Amino acid sequence: MTDSAEVLDFNYGWGSAASLLDVTRPTVRSADEVADCFAIEQTVRAYGWAVDENRFDLLAALLAPQAEFSGYIAGVGPLETVSGRDELVPWLSGFMNSRDDQLRHSMGNVLISEVGAERAKALVYLTLHATTPQETVPLATAFYRFTFSKTGDAWFVDSVFAGFDKSF
């Protein structure tokens, strides 16, 4: 991982070049792992829906108690790291409720890079749109790096790292 004081320039493949993510070849999965991968992907999608629809009760239910959000904007620098579900939910809620537009997180190209009995990792693309009554505009693209833990039959978000390609 890069030194947080270093500003990473935007360039082709900047996330991999800075060791912020590791794209790997997926492995053949057992039937149980396939079911876990589906549940993890649904958790990722529910995360986006919860944020966009002001459902911070749902977001809290998706996050592990120790959940952490961090990130980086290419050409700008690191984002604030927020640790703990009880800090993260109000922080994100405050950010979203301070906006005068409707954000939509289009999350796709989900790659489950690791899955085990209790832990998993996924890479996800984000295309972020903002809508006002006058227009809808693409706001940013990013990659998300998620880590998850499993309790019972449910997967919970342990951490989210957002690598934004530009500031918004």
Protein backbone atom coordinates (compact mmCIF):
# COMPACT_ATOMS: atom_id res chain seq x y z
CA MET A 1 0.00 0.00 0.00
CA THR A 2 1.18 3.47 -0.74
CA ASP A 3 2.32 6.02 1.84
CA SER A 4 -0.78 8.11 2.64
CA ALA A 5 1.20 11.33 2.13
CA GLU A 6 1.95 10.38 -1.47
CA VAL A 7 -0.47 11.70 -4.09
CA LEU A 8 -1.12 9.09 -6.73
CA ASP A 9 -1.56 10.43 -10.24
CA PHE A 10 -4.50 9.29 -12.29
CA ASN A 11 -3.33 6.92 -15.00
CA TYR A 12 -4.36 3.70 -16.65
CA GLY A 13 -4.59 1.00 -13.99
CA TRP A 14 -3.61 3.36 -11.16
CA GLY A 15 -5.23 1.18 -8.47
CA SER A 16 -3.17 -1.89 -9.33
CA ALA A 17 -0.04 0.16 -9.97
CA ALA A 18 -0.30 1.58 -6.44
CA SER A 19 -1.02 -1.86 -4.92
CA LEU A 20 -4.45 -0.69 -3.78
CA LEU A 21 -6.08 -3.76 -5.29
CA ASP A 22 -5.09 -7.15 -6.57
CA VAL A 23 -7.10 -8.54 -9.45
CA THR A 24 -6.78 -12.31 -9.51
CA ARG A 25 -8.11 -15.17 -11.58
CA PRO A 26 -11.26 -16.61 -9.97
CA THR A 27 -11.08 -20.21 -8.87
CA VAL A 28 -13.54 -23.05 -9.38
CA ARG A 29 -16.07 -22.92 -6.56
CA SER A 30 -17.93 -25.59 -4.65
CA ALA A 31 -21.72 -25.40 -4.49
CA ASP A 32 -21.51 -23.89 -0.98
CA GLU A 33 -19.00 -21.28 -2.16
CA VAL A 34 -21.25 -20.38 -5.10
CA ALA A 35 -24.11 -19.78 -2.66
CA ASP A 36 -21.80 -17.64 -0.52
CA CYS A 37 -20.65 -15.67 -3.58
CA PHE A 38 -24.28 -14.94 -4.47
CA ALA A 39 -25.00 -13.80 -0.90
CA ILE A 40 -21.89 -11.59 -0.92
CA GLU A 41 -22.89 -10.01 -4.23
CA GLN A 42 -26.38 -9.33 -2.87
CA THR A 43 -24.80 -7.69 0.20
CA VAL A 44 -22.76 -5.43 -2.09
CA ARG A 45 -25.87 -4.41 -4.01
CA ALA A 46 -27.87 -3.85 -0.82
CA TYR A 47 -25.07 -1.52 0.39
CA GLY A 48 -25.59 0.71 -2.67
CA TRP A 49 -29.38 0.63 -2.36
CA ALA A 50 -29.24 1.45 1.35
CA VAL A 51 -27.07 4.53 0.77
CA ASP A 52 -29.09 5.78 -2.22
CA GLU A 53 -32.47 5.32 -0.58
CA ASN A 54 -31.60 6.90 2.78
CA ARG A 55 -32.00 3.50 4.46
CA PHE A 56 -29.28 3.80 7.02
CA ASP A 57 -31.10 1.26 9.19
CA LEU A 58 -30.44 -1.26 6.41
CA LEU A 59 -26.86 -0.08 6.02
CA ALA A 60 -26.28 -0.62 9.74
CA ALA A 61 -27.69 -4.14 9.42
CA LEU A 62 -25.19 -4.90 6.61
CA LEU A 63 -22.12 -3.66 8.50
CA ALA A 64 -20.06 -5.56 11.04
CA PRO A 65 -19.61 -3.66 14.33
CA GLN A 66 -15.95 -2.98 13.46
CA ALA A 67 -16.72 -1.89 9.87
CA GLU A 68 -14.35 0.62 8.34
CA PHE A 69 -14.55 2.95 5.33
CA SER A 70 -11.43 4.37 3.71
CA GLY A 71 -10.42 5.44 0.26
CA TYR A 72 -8.36 7.43 -2.14
CA ILE A 73 -8.99 9.90 -4.96
CA ALA A 74 -6.45 9.68 -7.79
CA GLY A 75 -4.52 12.92 -8.13
CA VAL A 76 -5.93 14.23 -4.83
CA GLY A 77 -5.03 11.93 -1.96
CA PRO A 78 -6.50 9.76 0.77
CA LEU A 79 -10.03 10.05 2.10
CA GLU A 80 -10.82 10.21 5.78
CA THR A 81 -10.90 6.76 7.41
CA VAL A 82 -14.02 6.15 9.46
CA SER A 83 -13.98 3.16 11.84
CA GLY A 84 -16.84 1.39 13.56
CA ARG A 85 -20.44 0.95 12.46
CA ASP A 86 -21.64 3.44 15.10
CA GLU A 87 -19.39 6.13 13.57
CA LEU A 88 -19.67 5.11 9.93
CA VAL A 89 -23.47 5.14 9.59
CA PRO A 90 -23.96 8.72 10.91
CA TRP A 91 -20.92 9.94 8.95
CA LEU A 92 -22.25 8.58 5.65
CA SER A 93 -25.81 9.65 6.46
CA GLY A 94 -24.59 13.19 7.17
CA PHE A 95 -22.70 13.31 3.87
CA MET A 96 -25.66 12.05 1.86
CA ASN A 97 -28.21 14.27 3.59
CA SER A 98 -26.03 17.35 2.98
CA ARG A 99 -26.35 16.91 -0.80
CA ASP A 100 -29.02 18.58 -2.93
CA ASP A 101 -29.07 15.81 -5.53
CA GLN A 102 -30.00 12.14 -5.67
CA LEU A 103 -27.00 9.84 -5.96
CA ARG A 104 -27.26 6.43 -7.58
CA HIS A 105 -24.55 3.83 -7.04
CA SER A 106 -24.39 1.50 -10.05
CA MET A 107 -22.28 -1.35 -8.76
CA GLY A 108 -21.14 -4.07 -11.10
CA ASN A 109 -18.34 -6.24 -12.38
CA VAL A 110 -18.26 -7.95 -8.98
CA LEU A 111 -15.24 -10.20 -8.60
CA ILE A 112 -15.20 -12.37 -5.50
CA SER A 113 -11.45 -12.69 -5.11
CA GLU A 114 -11.49 -14.86 -2.00
CA VAL A 115 -14.19 -16.79 -0.20
CA GLY A 116 -13.82 -19.04 2.81
CA ALA A 117 -16.03 -20.35 5.56
CA GLU A 118 -15.93 -17.07 7.53
CA ARG A 119 -14.09 -14.47 5.41
CA ALA A 120 -14.35 -13.12 1.88
CA LYS A 121 -13.02 -10.36 -0.36
CA ALA A 122 -14.58 -8.74 -3.41
CA LEU A 123 -13.70 -6.09 -5.98
CA VAL A 124 -16.55 -4.02 -7.42
CA TYR A 125 -16.85 -1.25 -10.00
CA LEU A 126 -18.84 1.85 -9.16
CA THR A 127 -20.39 4.32 -11.57
CA LEU A 128 -21.89 7.14 -9.56
CA HIS A 129 -24.65 9.30 -11.05
CA ALA A 130 -26.20 12.44 -9.60
CA THR A 131 -29.70 13.58 -10.47
CA THR A 132 -31.49 16.86 -9.87
CA PRO A 133 -34.91 17.81 -11.28
CA GLN A 134 -33.03 19.37 -14.22
CA GLU A 135 -30.53 16.67 -15.20
CA THR A 136 -28.72 13.41 -14.54
CA VAL A 137 -24.95 13.44 -14.83
CA PRO A 138 -22.23 10.85 -14.36
CA LEU A 139 -20.35 12.02 -11.28
CA ALA A 140 -17.51 9.57 -10.78
CA THR A 141 -16.18 6.09 -11.35
CA ALA A 142 -14.35 4.04 -8.77
CA PHE A 143 -13.39 0.62 -7.62
CA TYR A 144 -14.50 -0.72 -4.26
CA ARG A 145 -12.48 -3.26 -2.33
CA PHE A 146 -14.77 -5.01 0.18
CA THR A 147 -13.93 -7.45 2.95
CA PHE A 148 -16.63 -9.52 4.61
CA SER A 149 -17.12 -11.77 7.61
CA LYS A 150 -19.78 -14.42 8.03
CA THR A 151 -21.88 -14.84 11.14
CA GLY A 152 -24.41 -17.65 10.95
CA ASP A 153 -25.78 -17.55 7.41
CA ALA A 154 -25.24 -13.81 6.90
CA TRP A 155 -22.30 -11.95 5.36
CA PHE A 156 -21.38 -8.58 6.90
CA VAL A 157 -19.21 -5.80 5.48
CA ASP A 158 -15.99 -5.50 7.49
CA SER A 159 -14.35 -2.86 5.34
CA VAL A 160 -14.86 -0.80 2.22
CA PHE A 161 -12.02 0.90 0.37
CA ALA A 162 -13.15 3.28 -2.38
CA GLY A 163 -10.65 4.15 -5.11
CA PHE A 164 -12.14 7.12 -6.97
CA ASP A 165 -10.80 7.99 -10.41
CA LYS A 166 -11.61 11.68 -9.89
CA SER A 167 -12.86 14.08 -7.28
CA PHE A 168 -16.57 14.92 -7.16
